[in-house]
Amino acid sequence: MDALSVAVERGGALESVHRVHAVVVRDGRVERAWGDPGRVTFVRSAAKPLQALGLAREAPELPSEELAIACASHEALPRQLAAVEALLDRAGASEGDLECGPIGGSRIRHNCSGKHAGMLLRCRLRGWDAPGYRLAEHPLHRVLVPEVAACAGLEPADVVTGIDGCGVVAYAVPLAAAAETFARLIGRELDGADSVVAAMTAHPDLVGGPSADDTAVMQMIPGAVAKRGAEGVLCAGLPDGSAFAIKVEDGAHRVVAPVARLLSGVAESGEPVRNSRGDEVGRIVLIGS
């Protein structure tokens, strides 16, 4: 099937069109696909719930807010930063130990600081030296790459790795495999999934924030677990056991929300395009499905 086409309209005229690859899986098989379900895709921050599974197993008493922030791409809101600070304290670490880059002069304000704090805690629990935890050769990633591969039903050698925007190892897998990881997550088939799903669904506001598509999906569909990633990626597991993965071909994240609504069965007429004044000046609409 052809990829989805999502149009951006302004003043009644077509301004831009984005191609979107998407796949829905159920019961271990592809139920429906648009574009290429085998497209190898860097899932970026959508991998955070998978990276947090080991933390959930090794720190079973971890408060749900702290586990949620370890899965988060947060918006540096006060409650989110408080959860990061609590996780850092539990790791015996401080902001200076974070190896993500600073945002506005502060590393804790980086949207991946919760993941990094969780990685520091896992290093402490496993007795690994913390410096360099972001690097592929660190013991943390020698464990994480096989763990993420297993979630996707792949061998470690089949996972393409790179460097994420925050400096840690990023993973690329076929889009259908990315969706399958979220089916296994929502189905509690992965060791640690009970805790991760409970934390994310209890605190969708910590996982993203008011402007985040993953938070919106979880608030729109109680019981769903969703995580967005950079370059137009979003993966979600739904309460009915199905899951989907989205990749916008040109990386434009603005079209993820209407596609997520379509795949969730909550299709709407489109998303508004607003200017800096907050005025609605156009629409984002699906023109192919």
C-alpha atoms as a PDB file:
ATOM      1  CA  MET A   1       0.000   0.000   0.000  1.00  0.00           C
ATOM      2  CA  ASP A   2       1.132   3.537  -0.675  1.00  0.00           C
ATOM      3  CA  ALA A   3       2.402   5.702   2.142  1.00  0.00           C
ATOM      4  CA  LEU A   4      -0.080   8.055   3.760  1.00  0.00           C
ATOM      5  CA  SER A   5      -0.101  11.608   2.486  1.00  0.00           C
ATOM      6  CA  VAL A   6      -0.666  14.398   4.963  1.00  0.00           C
ATOM      7  CA  ALA A   7      -1.257  17.908   3.649  1.00  0.00           C
ATOM      8  CA  VAL A   8      -0.665  21.282   5.236  1.00  0.00           C
ATOM      9  CA  GLU A   9      -3.137  23.859   3.971  1.00  0.00           C
ATOM     10  CA  ARG A  10      -2.990  27.613   4.452  1.00  0.00           C
ATOM     11  CA  GLY A  11      -5.489  30.153   3.187  1.00  0.00           C
ATOM     12  CA  GLY A  12      -7.314  27.405   1.313  1.00  0.00           C
ATOM     13  CA  ALA A  13      -4.188  26.526  -0.688  1.00  0.00           C
ATOM     14  CA  LEU A  14      -2.002  23.432  -0.449  1.00  0.00           C
ATOM     15  CA  GLU A  15       1.319  24.451   1.136  1.00  0.00           C
ATOM     16  CA  SER A  16       3.135  21.173   1.892  1.00  0.00           C
ATOM     17  CA  VAL A  17       2.646  17.412   1.669  1.00  0.00           C
ATOM     18  CA  HIS A  18       4.373  14.857   3.907  1.00  0.00           C
ATOM     19  CA  ARG A  19       4.647  11.098   3.256  1.00  0.00           C
ATOM     20  CA  VAL A  20       4.111   8.865   6.273  1.00  0.00           C
ATOM     21  CA  HIS A  21       4.998   5.188   6.728  1.00  0.00           C
ATOM     22  CA  ALA A  22       2.819   3.479   9.330  1.00  0.00           C
ATOM     23  CA  VAL A  23       2.067  -0.046  10.465  1.00  0.00           C
ATOM     24  CA  VAL A  24      -0.477  -1.660  12.788  1.00  0.00           C
ATOM     25  CA  VAL A  25       0.319  -5.043  14.351  1.00  0.00           C
ATOM     26  CA  ARG A  26      -1.880  -7.470  16.242  1.00  0.00           C
ATOM     27  CA  ASP A  27      -1.254 -10.996  17.540  1.00  0.00           C
ATOM     28  CA  GLY A  28       2.289 -11.046  16.165  1.00  0.00           C
ATOM     29  CA  ARG A  29       1.410 -10.096  12.597  1.00  0.00           C
ATOM     30  CA  VAL A  30       1.035  -6.986  10.477  1.00  0.00           C
ATOM     31  CA  GLU A  31      -2.656  -6.154  10.343  1.00  0.00           C
ATOM     32  CA  ARG A  32      -2.377  -3.086   8.105  1.00  0.00           C
ATOM     33  CA  ALA A  33       0.445  -1.024   6.662  1.00  0.00           C
ATOM     34  CA  TRP A  34       0.937   2.156   4.678  1.00  0.00           C
ATOM     35  CA  GLY A  35       4.227   2.583   2.870  1.00  0.00           C
ATOM     36  CA  ASP A  36       7.009   0.199   3.865  1.00  0.00           C
ATOM     37  CA  PRO A  37       6.549  -1.761   7.139  1.00  0.00           C
ATOM     38  CA  GLY A  38      10.093  -3.094   6.718  1.00  0.00           C
ATOM     39  CA  ARG A  39      11.625   0.366   6.545  1.00  0.00           C
ATOM     40  CA  VAL A  40      14.596   0.399   8.929  1.00  0.00           C
ATOM     41  CA  THR A  41      13.882   3.323  11.232  1.00  0.00           C
ATOM     42  CA  PHE A  42      15.765   4.950  14.059  1.00  0.00           C
ATOM     43  CA  VAL A  43      13.087   4.942  16.744  1.00  0.00           C
ATOM     44  CA  ARG A  44      15.009   7.521  18.757  1.00  0.00           C
ATOM     45  CA  SER A  45      13.236   8.377  22.031  1.00  0.00           C
ATOM     46  CA  ALA A  46      10.472   5.864  21.361  1.00  0.00           C
ATOM     47  CA  ALA A  47      13.014   3.332  22.658  1.00  0.00           C
ATOM     48  CA  LYS A  48      13.020   4.867  26.153  1.00  0.00           C
ATOM     49  CA  PRO A  49      10.349   2.540  27.614  1.00  0.00           C
ATOM     50  CA  LEU A  50      12.395  -0.426  26.345  1.00  0.00           C
ATOM     51  CA  GLN A  51      15.584   1.001  27.828  1.00  0.00           C
ATOM     52  CA  ALA A  52      13.746   1.402  31.148  1.00  0.00           C
ATOM     53  CA  LEU A  53      12.699  -2.254  31.405  1.00  0.00           C
ATOM     54  CA  GLY A  54      15.992  -3.279  32.993  1.00  0.00           C
ATOM     55  CA  LEU A  55      15.739  -0.434  35.486  1.00  0.00           C
ATOM     56  CA  ALA A  56      12.233  -1.571  36.405  1.00  0.00           C
ATOM     57  CA  ARG A  57      13.494  -5.107  37.012  1.00  0.00           C
ATOM     58  CA  GLU A  58      16.547  -4.076  39.009  1.00  0.00           C
ATOM     59  CA  ALA A  59      14.837  -1.356  41.074  1.00  0.00           C
ATOM     60  CA  PRO A  60      11.388  -2.844  41.762  1.00  0.00           C
ATOM     61  CA  GLU A  61      10.673  -0.339  44.558  1.00  0.00           C
ATOM     62  CA  LEU A  62      11.324   2.656  42.307  1.00  0.00           C
ATOM     63  CA  PRO A  63       8.455   5.191  42.636  1.00  0.00           C
ATOM     64  CA  SER A  64       6.287   5.296  39.539  1.00  0.00           C
ATOM     65  CA  GLU A  65       7.023   9.000  38.971  1.00  0.00           C
ATOM     66  CA  GLU A  66      10.738   8.258  38.720  1.00  0.00           C
ATOM     67  CA  LEU A  67      10.239   5.320  36.375  1.00  0.00           C
ATOM     68  CA  ALA A  68       7.941   7.453  34.215  1.00  0.00           C
ATOM     69  CA  ILE A  69      10.538  10.223  33.953  1.00  0.00           C
ATOM     70  CA  ALA A  70      13.143   7.619  32.938  1.00  0.00           C
ATOM     71  CA  CYS A  71      10.844   6.916  29.948  1.00  0.00           C
ATOM     72  CA  ALA A  72      10.230  10.585  29.226  1.00  0.00           C
ATOM     73  CA  SER A  73      11.031  13.262  26.709  1.00  0.00           C
ATOM     74  CA  HIS A  74       9.972  15.960  29.118  1.00  0.00           C
ATOM     75  CA  GLU A  75       9.289  19.666  28.711  1.00  0.00           C
ATOM     76  CA  ALA A  76      11.299  20.795  31.766  1.00  0.00           C
ATOM     77  CA  LEU A  77       8.188  21.555  33.811  1.00  0.00           C
ATOM     78  CA  PRO A  78       8.660  21.834  37.600  1.00  0.00           C
ATOM     79  CA  ARG A  79       7.115  18.439  38.416  1.00  0.00           C
ATOM     80  CA  GLN A  80       9.181  16.769  35.698  1.00  0.00           C
ATOM     81  CA  LEU A  81      12.433  18.334  36.905  1.00  0.00           C
ATOM     82  CA  ALA A  82      11.611  17.304  40.485  1.00  0.00           C
ATOM     83  CA  ALA A  83      11.265  13.678  39.311  1.00  0.00           C
ATOM     84  CA  VAL A  84      14.630  13.872  37.521  1.00  0.00           C
ATOM     85  CA  GLU A  85      16.273  15.284  40.646  1.00  0.00           C
ATOM     86  CA  ALA A  86      14.778  12.494  42.773  1.00  0.00           C
ATOM     87  CA  LEU A  87      16.097   9.878  40.347  1.00  0.00           C
ATOM     88  CA  LEU A  88      19.549  11.489  40.341  1.00  0.00           C
ATOM     89  CA  ASP A  89      19.570  11.518  44.137  1.00  0.00           C
ATOM     90  CA  ARG A  90      18.649   7.826  44.202  1.00  0.00           C
ATOM     91  CA  ALA A  91      21.577   7.173  41.852  1.00  0.00           C
ATOM     92  CA  GLY A  92      23.948   9.052  44.165  1.00  0.00           C
ATOM     93  CA  ALA A  93      24.554  11.449  41.287  1.00  0.00           C
ATOM     94  CA  SER A  94      24.125  15.117  40.472  1.00  0.00           C
ATOM     95  CA  GLU A  95      23.407  17.205  37.403  1.00  0.00           C
ATOM     96  CA  GLY A  96      27.125  17.301  36.656  1.00  0.00           C
ATOM     97  CA  ASP A  97      27.109  13.529  36.124  1.00  0.00           C
ATOM     98  CA  LEU A  98      24.570  13.790  33.290  1.00  0.00           C
ATOM     99  CA  GLU A  99      26.234  13.328  29.899  1.00  0.00           C
ATOM    100  CA  CYS A 100      23.483  14.895  27.814  1.00  0.00           C
ATOM    101  CA  GLY A 101      24.115  18.379  26.486  1.00  0.00           C
ATOM    102  CA  PRO A 102      22.816  21.461  28.305  1.00  0.00           C
ATOM    103  CA  ILE A 103      19.597  23.245  27.407  1.00  0.00           C
ATOM    104  CA  GLY A 104      19.673  26.892  28.410  1.00  0.00           C
ATOM    105  CA  GLY A 105      22.842  26.193  30.359  1.00  0.00           C
ATOM    106  CA  SER A 106      21.276  23.317  32.334  1.00  0.00           C
ATOM    107  CA  ARG A 107      21.696  19.607  31.648  1.00  0.00           C
ATOM    108  CA  ILE A 108      18.783  18.682  33.875  1.00  0.00           C
ATOM    109  CA  ARG A 109      16.504  20.707  31.590  1.00  0.00           C
ATOM    110  CA  HIS A 110      17.452  18.552  28.587  1.00  0.00           C
ATOM    111  CA  ASN A 111      14.366  16.584  27.581  1.00  0.00           C
ATOM    112  CA  CYS A 112      16.303  13.298  27.927  1.00  0.00           C
ATOM    113  CA  SER A 113      17.680  13.989  31.413  1.00  0.00           C
ATOM    114  CA  GLY A 114      15.275  11.491  32.990  1.00  0.00           C
ATOM    115  CA  LYS A 115      16.580   8.693  30.765  1.00  0.00           C
ATOM    116  CA  HIS A 116      20.145   9.667  31.611  1.00  0.00           C
ATOM    117  CA  ALA A 117      19.359   9.737  35.342  1.00  0.00           C
ATOM    118  CA  GLY A 118      17.834   6.270  35.031  1.00  0.00           C
ATOM    119  CA  MET A 119      20.976   5.055  33.268  1.00  0.00           C
ATOM    120  CA  LEU A 120      23.097   6.433  36.111  1.00  0.00           C
ATOM    121  CA  LEU A 121      20.940   4.559  38.624  1.00  0.00           C
ATOM    122  CA  ARG A 122      21.277   1.332  36.659  1.00  0.00           C
ATOM    123  CA  CYS A 123      25.064   1.791  36.614  1.00  0.00           C
ATOM    124  CA  ARG A 124      25.024   2.150  40.377  1.00  0.00           C
ATOM    125  CA  LEU A 125      22.836  -0.920  40.831  1.00  0.00           C
ATOM    126  CA  ARG A 126      25.087  -3.010  38.579  1.00  0.00           C
ATOM    127  CA  GLY A 127      28.346  -1.694  40.060  1.00  0.00           C
ATOM    128  CA  TRP A 128      29.509  -0.131  36.779  1.00  0.00           C
ATOM    129  CA  ASP A 129      31.605   3.031  36.667  1.00  0.00           C
ATOM    130  CA  ALA A 130      29.318   5.881  35.639  1.00  0.00           C
ATOM    131  CA  PRO A 131      31.617   8.046  33.483  1.00  0.00           C
ATOM    132  CA  GLY A 132      31.142   7.300  29.811  1.00  0.00           C
ATOM    133  CA  TYR A 133      27.784   5.566  30.354  1.00  0.00           C
ATOM    134  CA  ARG A 134      26.552   7.137  27.124  1.00  0.00           C
ATOM    135  CA  LEU A 135      29.172   5.374  24.977  1.00  0.00           C
ATOM    136  CA  ALA A 136      28.620   2.180  22.974  1.00  0.00           C
ATOM    137  CA  GLU A 137      31.571   0.439  24.624  1.00  0.00           C
ATOM    138  CA  HIS A 138      30.257   1.020  28.161  1.00  0.00           C
ATOM    139  CA  PRO A 139      28.876  -2.095  29.928  1.00  0.00           C
ATOM    140  CA  LEU A 140      25.455  -0.436  30.039  1.00  0.00           C
ATOM    141  CA  HIS A 141      25.066  -0.542  26.268  1.00  0.00           C
ATOM    142  CA  ARG A 142      26.592  -3.978  25.963  1.00  0.00           C
ATOM    143  CA  VAL A 143      23.535  -5.014  27.973  1.00  0.00           C
ATOM    144  CA  LEU A 144      20.991  -2.595  26.487  1.00  0.00           C
ATOM    145  CA  VAL A 145      21.541  -3.424  22.804  1.00  0.00           C
ATOM    146  CA  PRO A 146      20.729  -7.143  23.276  1.00  0.00           C
ATOM    147  CA  GLU A 147      17.787  -6.239  25.532  1.00  0.00           C
ATOM    148  CA  VAL A 148      16.259  -3.899  22.948  1.00  0.00           C
ATOM    149  CA  ALA A 149      16.937  -6.409  20.160  1.00  0.00           C
ATOM    150  CA  ALA A 150      15.099  -9.111  22.116  1.00  0.00           C
ATOM    151  CA  CYS A 151      12.105  -6.782  22.597  1.00  0.00           C
ATOM    152  CA  ALA A 152      11.935  -6.442  18.807  1.00  0.00           C
ATOM    153  CA  GLY A 153      12.396 -10.172  18.196  1.00  0.00           C
ATOM    154  CA  LEU A 154      15.766  -9.555  16.549  1.00  0.00           C
ATOM    155  CA  GLU A 155      19.361 -10.599  17.046  1.00  0.00           C
ATOM    156  CA  PRO A 156      21.664  -7.829  18.337  1.00  0.00           C
ATOM    157  CA  ALA A 157      23.566  -7.864  15.045  1.00  0.00           C
ATOM    158  CA  ASP A 158      20.316  -7.023  13.236  1.00  0.00           C
ATOM    159  CA  VAL A 159      19.861  -3.756  15.161  1.00  0.00           C
ATOM    160  CA  VAL A 160      21.480  -0.775  13.478  1.00  0.00           C
ATOM    161  CA  THR A 161      23.020   1.581  16.026  1.00  0.00           C
ATOM    162  CA  GLY A 162      23.965   5.230  15.893  1.00  0.00           C
ATOM    163  CA  ILE A 163      24.264   8.165  18.271  1.00  0.00           C
ATOM    164  CA  ASP A 164      21.086   9.853  19.496  1.00  0.00           C
ATOM    165  CA  GLY A 165      20.610  13.586  19.913  1.00  0.00           C
ATOM    166  CA  CYS A 166      21.400  13.339  23.628  1.00  0.00           C
ATOM    167  CA  GLY A 167      24.640  11.411  23.097  1.00  0.00           C
ATOM    168  CA  VAL A 168      23.647   7.814  23.929  1.00  0.00           C
ATOM    169  CA  VAL A 169      23.251   4.837  21.600  1.00  0.00           C
ATOM    170  CA  ALA A 170      20.228   4.964  19.267  1.00  0.00           C
ATOM    171  CA  TYR A 171      18.594   1.938  17.606  1.00  0.00           C
ATOM    172  CA  ALA A 172      17.139   1.399  14.144  1.00  0.00           C
ATOM    173  CA  VAL A 173      14.825  -1.550  13.464  1.00  0.00           C
ATOM    174  CA  PRO A 174      12.161  -2.341  10.853  1.00  0.00           C
ATOM    175  CA  LEU A 175       9.058  -0.248  11.473  1.00  0.00           C
ATOM    176  CA  ALA A 176       6.903  -3.353  12.008  1.00  0.00           C
ATOM    177  CA  ALA A 177       9.363  -4.587  14.644  1.00  0.00           C
ATOM    178  CA  ALA A 178       9.119  -1.222  16.408  1.00  0.00           C
ATOM    179  CA  ALA A 179       5.333  -1.606  16.523  1.00  0.00           C
ATOM    180  CA  GLU A 180       5.701  -5.176  17.772  1.00  0.00           C
ATOM    181  CA  THR A 181       7.807  -4.020  20.739  1.00  0.00           C
ATOM    182  CA  PHE A 182       4.887  -1.868  21.870  1.00  0.00           C
ATOM    183  CA  ALA A 183       2.447  -4.742  21.368  1.00  0.00           C
ATOM    184  CA  ARG A 184       4.648  -6.818  23.658  1.00  0.00           C
ATOM    185  CA  LEU A 185       4.945  -3.914  26.064  1.00  0.00           C
ATOM    186  CA  ILE A 186       1.182  -3.324  26.345  1.00  0.00           C
ATOM    187  CA  GLY A 187       0.661  -7.098  26.520  1.00  0.00           C
ATOM    188  CA  ARG A 188       3.065  -7.285  29.480  1.00  0.00           C
ATOM    189  CA  GLU A 189       5.084  -9.923  27.611  1.00  0.00           C
ATOM    190  CA  LEU A 190       8.410  -8.225  28.414  1.00  0.00           C
ATOM    191  CA  ASP A 191      10.075  -8.620  31.798  1.00  0.00           C
ATOM    192  CA  GLY A 192       9.546  -5.334  33.587  1.00  0.00           C
ATOM    193  CA  ALA A 193       6.653  -4.247  31.356  1.00  0.00           C
ATOM    194  CA  ASP A 194       4.096  -4.306  34.177  1.00  0.00           C
ATOM    195  CA  SER A 195       5.973  -1.561  36.011  1.00  0.00           C
ATOM    196  CA  VAL A 196       6.844   0.501  32.927  1.00  0.00           C
ATOM    197  CA  VAL A 197       3.292   0.455  31.550  1.00  0.00           C
ATOM    198  CA  ALA A 198       1.823   1.249  34.980  1.00  0.00           C
ATOM    199  CA  ALA A 199       4.198   4.194  35.428  1.00  0.00           C
ATOM    200  CA  MET A 200       3.609   5.658  31.972  1.00  0.00           C
ATOM    201  CA  THR A 201      -0.169   5.299  32.045  1.00  0.00           C
ATOM    202  CA  ALA A 202      -0.359   6.723  35.580  1.00  0.00           C
ATOM    203  CA  HIS A 203       1.785   9.732  34.657  1.00  0.00           C
ATOM    204  CA  PRO A 204       1.344  10.610  30.972  1.00  0.00           C
ATOM    205  CA  ASP A 205       2.033  14.248  31.873  1.00  0.00           C
ATOM    206  CA  LEU A 206       5.541  13.294  33.013  1.00  0.00           C
ATOM    207  CA  VAL A 207       6.293  11.263  29.875  1.00  0.00           C
ATOM    208  CA  GLY A 208       5.860  14.263  27.585  1.00  0.00           C
ATOM    209  CA  GLY A 209       3.932  17.342  28.516  1.00  0.00           C
ATOM    210  CA  PRO A 210       1.085  19.599  27.396  1.00  0.00           C
ATOM    211  CA  SER A 211       2.355  19.868  23.806  1.00  0.00           C
ATOM    212  CA  ALA A 212       3.543  16.264  23.406  1.00  0.00           C
ATOM    213  CA  ASP A 213       1.792  13.813  21.075  1.00  0.00           C
ATOM    214  CA  ASP A 214       2.588  10.793  23.250  1.00  0.00           C
ATOM    215  CA  THR A 215       0.975  12.430  26.287  1.00  0.00           C
ATOM    216  CA  ALA A 216      -2.039  13.324  24.129  1.00  0.00           C
ATOM    217  CA  VAL A 217      -2.464   9.722  22.917  1.00  0.00           C
ATOM    218  CA  MET A 218      -2.311   8.340  26.465  1.00  0.00           C
ATOM    219  CA  GLN A 219      -4.791  10.913  27.735  1.00  0.00           C
ATOM    220  CA  MET A 220      -7.094  10.361  24.759  1.00  0.00           C
ATOM    221  CA  ILE A 221      -7.072   6.540  25.130  1.00  0.00           C
ATOM    222  CA  PRO A 222      -6.962   5.422  28.772  1.00  0.00           C
ATOM    223  CA  GLY A 223      -4.675   2.422  29.142  1.00  0.00           C
ATOM    224  CA  ALA A 224      -2.651   3.140  26.010  1.00  0.00           C
ATOM    225  CA  VAL A 225       1.120   3.474  26.245  1.00  0.00           C
ATOM    226  CA  ALA A 226       2.785   5.779  23.720  1.00  0.00           C
ATOM    227  CA  LYS A 227       6.193   7.295  23.120  1.00  0.00           C
ATOM    228  CA  ARG A 228       7.331   9.762  20.492  1.00  0.00           C
ATOM    229  CA  GLY A 229      10.790  10.041  18.981  1.00  0.00           C
ATOM    230  CA  ALA A 230      12.651  12.664  17.003  1.00  0.00           C
ATOM    231  CA  GLU A 231      12.326  12.905  13.216  1.00  0.00           C
ATOM    232  CA  GLY A 232       8.617  12.133  13.092  1.00  0.00           C
ATOM    233  CA  VAL A 233       8.392   8.874  15.050  1.00  0.00           C
ATOM    234  CA  LEU A 234       5.656   7.692  17.380  1.00  0.00           C
ATOM    235  CA  CYS A 235       4.954   4.183  18.691  1.00  0.00           C
ATOM    236  CA  ALA A 236       1.944   3.143  20.750  1.00  0.00           C
ATOM    237  CA  GLY A 237       0.385   0.067  22.284  1.00  0.00           C
ATOM    238  CA  LEU A 238      -3.397   0.126  22.667  1.00  0.00           C
ATOM    239  CA  PRO A 239      -5.603  -1.518  25.316  1.00  0.00           C
ATOM    240  CA  ASP A 240      -7.030  -3.956  22.751  1.00  0.00           C
ATOM    241  CA  GLY A 241      -3.557  -5.464  22.344  1.00  0.00           C
ATOM    242  CA  SER A 242      -2.773  -3.900  18.978  1.00  0.00           C
ATOM    243  CA  ALA A 243       0.089  -1.476  18.437  1.00  0.00           C
ATOM    244  CA  PHE A 244       1.292   0.916  15.773  1.00  0.00           C
ATOM    245  CA  ALA A 245       4.423   2.709  14.680  1.00  0.00           C
ATOM    246  CA  ILE A 246       4.654   5.899  12.623  1.00  0.00           C
ATOM    247  CA  LYS A 247       7.589   7.365  10.711  1.00  0.00           C
ATOM    248  CA  VAL A 248       7.223  10.621   8.788  1.00  0.00           C
ATOM    249  CA  GLU A 249       9.512  10.290   5.793  1.00  0.00           C
ATOM    250  CA  ASP A 250      10.904  13.820   5.963  1.00  0.00           C
ATOM    251  CA  GLY A 251      11.036  13.891   9.773  1.00  0.00           C
ATOM    252  CA  ALA A 252       8.326  16.536  10.217  1.00  0.00           C
ATOM    253  CA  HIS A 253       6.720  15.840  13.577  1.00  0.00           C
ATOM    254  CA  ARG A 254       3.786  18.197  13.024  1.00  0.00           C
ATOM    255  CA  VAL A 255       1.871  15.539  11.074  1.00  0.00           C
ATOM    256  CA  VAL A 256       2.242  12.754  13.643  1.00  0.00           C
ATOM    257  CA  ALA A 257      -0.864  13.677  15.659  1.00  0.00           C
ATOM    258  CA  PRO A 258      -3.482  13.282  12.880  1.00  0.00           C
ATOM    259  CA  VAL A 259      -1.928   9.970  11.808  1.00  0.00           C
ATOM    260  CA  ALA A 260      -1.894   8.723  15.410  1.00  0.00           C
ATOM    261  CA  ARG A 261      -5.585   9.579  15.693  1.00  0.00           C
ATOM    262  CA  LEU A 262      -6.343   7.663  12.505  1.00  0.00           C
ATOM    263  CA  LEU A 263      -4.480   4.567  13.707  1.00  0.00           C
ATOM    264  CA  SER A 264      -6.099   4.828  17.148  1.00  0.00           C
ATOM    265  CA  GLY A 265      -9.567   4.901  15.602  1.00  0.00           C
ATOM    266  CA  VAL A 266     -10.173   8.456  16.767  1.00  0.00           C
ATOM    267  CA  ALA A 267      -9.768  10.236  13.444  1.00  0.00           C
ATOM    268  CA  GLU A 268     -10.572  13.946  13.441  1.00  0.00           C
ATOM    269  CA  SER A 269     -10.943  16.551  10.723  1.00  0.00           C
ATOM    270  CA  GLY A 270      -7.366  17.727  11.082  1.00  0.00           C
ATOM    271  CA  GLU A 271      -4.970  19.683  13.221  1.00  0.00           C
ATOM    272  CA  PRO A 272      -4.889  23.480  13.239  1.00  0.00           C
ATOM    273  CA  VAL A 273      -1.821  25.378  12.069  1.00  0.00           C
ATOM    274  CA  ARG A 274      -1.318  28.409  14.316  1.00  0.00           C
ATOM    275  CA  ASN A 275       0.879  31.458  14.025  1.00  0.00           C
ATOM    276  CA  SER A 276       2.842  33.100  16.847  1.00  0.00           C
ATOM    277  CA  ARG A 277      -0.313  34.954  17.955  1.00  0.00           C
ATOM    278  CA  GLY A 278      -2.198  31.690  18.424  1.00  0.00           C
ATOM    279  CA  ASP A 279      -4.469  32.374  15.444  1.00  0.00           C
ATOM    280  CA  GLU A 280      -5.556  29.386  13.363  1.00  0.00           C
ATOM    281  CA  VAL A 281      -4.152  30.025   9.886  1.00  0.00           C
ATOM    282  CA  GLY A 282      -4.367  26.604   8.287  1.00  0.00           C
ATOM    283  CA  ARG A 283      -5.039  22.891   8.750  1.00  0.00           C
ATOM    284  CA  ILE A 284      -3.078  19.632   8.683  1.00  0.00           C
ATOM    285  CA  VAL A 285      -5.247  16.996   7.022  1.00  0.00           C
ATOM    286  CA  LEU A 286      -4.948  13.435   5.765  1.00  0.00           C
ATOM    287  CA  ILE A 287      -5.340  13.167   2.007  1.00  0.00           C
ATOM    288  CA  GLY A 288      -4.573   9.460   1.668  1.00  0.00           C
ATOM    289  CA  SER A 289      -5.343   6.407   3.830  1.00  0.00           C
END
